[in-house]
Amino acid sequence: MYKAFIRLNVYYKCVVLSGLFLCVISLALIPLYFINLKEIPLGILLGAGYAMLAYFLTGLMEDKFKEHYIWALLISIFRYIVFAALLFFVGLWYYKLGLKIFNIFAVTGGYFICLIILIILFVNQGKKERKDSGSI
């Protein structure tokens, strides 16, 4: 299992690690359901779920469109437009319509959980590449 994980690209590793971390966070946030703050764990699940889907699609894009940089750029821009629309609709539901299903700050926090894991993976990948090339 570990050997299969090592061969994955950075975005697939991010999806796997974010999913594991999200399971732990979901278990830790179970008490919020009992004190009527269910919008926080649901918002984290929505934000992290979207980020995991976006990074999975980015990993697919990296495999398919290595030579076509314009498609990679357009798909990345589209990913941020969809995230902005997601935040807009969550804010609309929460503040204008009064549907307290998702918290907009929890959605953003869930998205940043995956982003922080991705940054850590990129830093570790850079350290391994420098170590393999022999530079400091």
Protein backbone atom coordinates (compact mmCIF):
# COMPACT_ATOMS: atom_id res chain seq x y z
CA MET A 1 0.00 0.00 0.00
CA TYR A 2 2.84 2.37 0.88
CA LYS A 3 4.62 1.69 -2.41
CA ALA A 4 1.45 2.53 -4.34
CA PHE A 5 1.07 5.75 -2.33
CA ILE A 6 4.67 6.82 -3.04
CA ARG A 7 4.16 6.45 -6.80
CA LEU A 8 1.16 8.83 -6.83
CA ASN A 9 1.62 12.39 -7.96
CA VAL A 10 1.35 15.23 -5.43
CA TYR A 11 -2.31 15.98 -6.09
CA TYR A 12 -3.43 12.39 -5.56
CA LYS A 13 -1.40 12.24 -2.36
CA CYS A 14 -3.13 15.41 -1.25
CA VAL A 15 -6.55 13.84 -1.86
CA VAL A 16 -5.67 10.72 0.14
CA LEU A 17 -4.11 12.60 3.06
CA SER A 18 -6.92 15.18 3.10
CA GLY A 19 -9.50 12.40 3.19
CA LEU A 20 -7.77 10.76 6.15
CA PHE A 21 -7.40 14.09 7.96
CA LEU A 22 -11.03 14.95 7.20
CA CYS A 23 -12.18 11.68 8.80
CA VAL A 24 -10.30 12.59 11.97
CA ILE A 25 -11.71 16.13 11.97
CA SER A 26 -15.23 14.83 11.38
CA LEU A 27 -14.97 12.55 14.39
CA ALA A 28 -13.58 15.38 16.52
CA LEU A 29 -16.44 17.70 15.53
CA ILE A 30 -19.28 15.29 16.35
CA PRO A 31 -20.08 17.12 19.62
CA LEU A 32 -21.00 20.24 17.64
CA TYR A 33 -24.06 18.42 16.28
CA PHE A 34 -25.40 18.04 19.81
CA ILE A 35 -25.05 21.71 20.74
CA ASN A 36 -26.88 22.83 17.58
CA LEU A 37 -23.82 24.02 15.63
CA LYS A 38 -24.11 21.56 12.78
CA GLU A 39 -23.28 24.20 10.14
CA ILE A 40 -19.60 24.20 11.15
CA PRO A 41 -18.79 20.50 10.52
CA LEU A 42 -21.03 20.46 7.45
CA GLY A 43 -19.25 23.54 6.08
CA ILE A 44 -15.86 21.94 6.67
CA LEU A 45 -17.03 18.78 4.90
CA LEU A 46 -18.33 20.81 1.94
CA GLY A 47 -15.17 22.91 1.60
CA ALA A 48 -12.80 19.99 1.99
CA GLY A 49 -14.92 17.81 -0.30
CA TYR A 50 -14.80 20.44 -3.01
CA ALA A 51 -11.04 20.91 -2.55
CA MET A 52 -10.43 17.17 -2.73
CA LEU A 53 -12.48 16.96 -5.92
CA ALA A 54 -10.64 19.95 -7.40
CA TYR A 55 -7.20 18.53 -6.57
CA PHE A 56 -8.19 15.11 -7.91
CA LEU A 57 -9.22 16.74 -11.19
CA THR A 58 -5.97 18.75 -11.15
CA GLY A 59 -4.05 15.48 -10.80
CA LEU A 60 -5.94 14.07 -13.77
CA MET A 61 -5.20 17.25 -15.69
CA GLU A 62 -1.50 16.92 -14.90
CA ASP A 63 -1.52 13.39 -16.30
CA LYS A 64 -3.44 14.27 -19.47
CA PHE A 65 -2.38 17.81 -20.41
CA LYS A 66 1.36 17.95 -19.73
CA GLU A 67 2.10 19.57 -23.08
CA HIS A 68 -0.98 21.81 -23.26
CA TYR A 69 -0.34 24.56 -20.75
CA ILE A 70 -3.26 26.72 -21.89
CA TRP A 71 -5.74 23.99 -20.94
CA ALA A 72 -4.08 23.62 -17.56
CA LEU A 73 -4.36 27.37 -17.00
CA LEU A 74 -8.00 27.47 -18.06
CA ILE A 75 -8.94 24.54 -15.84
CA SER A 76 -7.17 26.15 -12.87
CA ILE A 77 -9.00 29.43 -13.41
CA PHE A 78 -12.29 27.54 -13.75
CA ARG A 79 -11.57 25.78 -10.42
CA TYR A 80 -11.28 29.12 -8.60
CA ILE A 81 -14.40 30.48 -10.30
CA VAL A 82 -16.37 27.46 -9.12
CA PHE A 83 -15.02 27.91 -5.58
CA ALA A 84 -16.02 31.59 -5.62
CA ALA A 85 -19.51 30.61 -6.79
CA LEU A 86 -19.69 28.00 -4.04
CA LEU A 87 -18.81 30.61 -1.42
CA PHE A 88 -21.31 33.05 -2.93
CA PHE A 89 -24.17 30.57 -2.75
CA VAL A 90 -23.26 29.43 0.75
CA GLY A 91 -23.19 33.07 1.88
CA LEU A 92 -26.49 33.73 0.13
CA TRP A 93 -28.14 30.74 1.79
CA TYR A 94 -26.72 31.56 5.21
CA TYR A 95 -27.15 35.33 5.42
CA LYS A 96 -30.00 36.20 3.03
CA LEU A 97 -32.25 33.15 3.07
CA GLY A 98 -31.55 32.10 6.66
CA LEU A 99 -30.74 28.47 5.78
CA LYS A 100 -28.13 27.68 8.39
CA ILE A 101 -26.83 24.52 6.72
CA PHE A 102 -23.25 25.56 5.90
CA ASN A 103 -21.08 28.24 7.49
CA ILE A 104 -19.13 30.29 4.94
CA PHE A 105 -16.06 30.47 7.19
CA ALA A 106 -16.12 26.72 7.77
CA VAL A 107 -16.30 26.14 4.01
CA THR A 108 -13.24 28.33 3.53
CA GLY A 109 -11.48 26.56 6.39
CA GLY A 110 -12.22 23.16 4.87
CA TYR A 111 -10.76 24.35 1.58
CA PHE A 112 -7.63 25.61 3.32
CA ILE A 113 -7.10 22.28 5.10
CA CYS A 114 -6.45 20.63 1.73
CA LEU A 115 -4.40 23.59 0.55
CA ILE A 116 -2.10 23.40 3.59
CA ILE A 117 -1.61 19.66 3.06
CA LEU A 118 -0.76 20.36 -0.60
CA ILE A 119 1.79 23.02 0.37
CA ILE A 120 3.44 20.62 2.85
CA LEU A 121 3.63 17.94 0.15
CA PHE A 122 5.22 20.38 -2.33
CA VAL A 123 7.81 21.44 0.26
CA ASN A 124 8.68 17.81 1.00
CA GLN A 125 8.93 17.05 -2.71
CA GLY A 126 11.32 19.98 -3.17
CA LYS A 127 13.47 18.77 -0.27
CA LYS A 128 13.67 15.28 -1.75
CA GLU A 129 14.61 16.64 -5.19
CA ARG A 130 17.38 18.80 -3.71
CA LYS A 131 18.63 15.87 -1.66
CA ASP A 132 18.67 13.59 -4.72
CA SER A 133 20.50 16.14 -6.88
CA GLY A 134 23.18 16.66 -4.24
CA SER A 135 22.62 20.34 -3.58
CA ILE A 136 21.99 21.78 -0.13
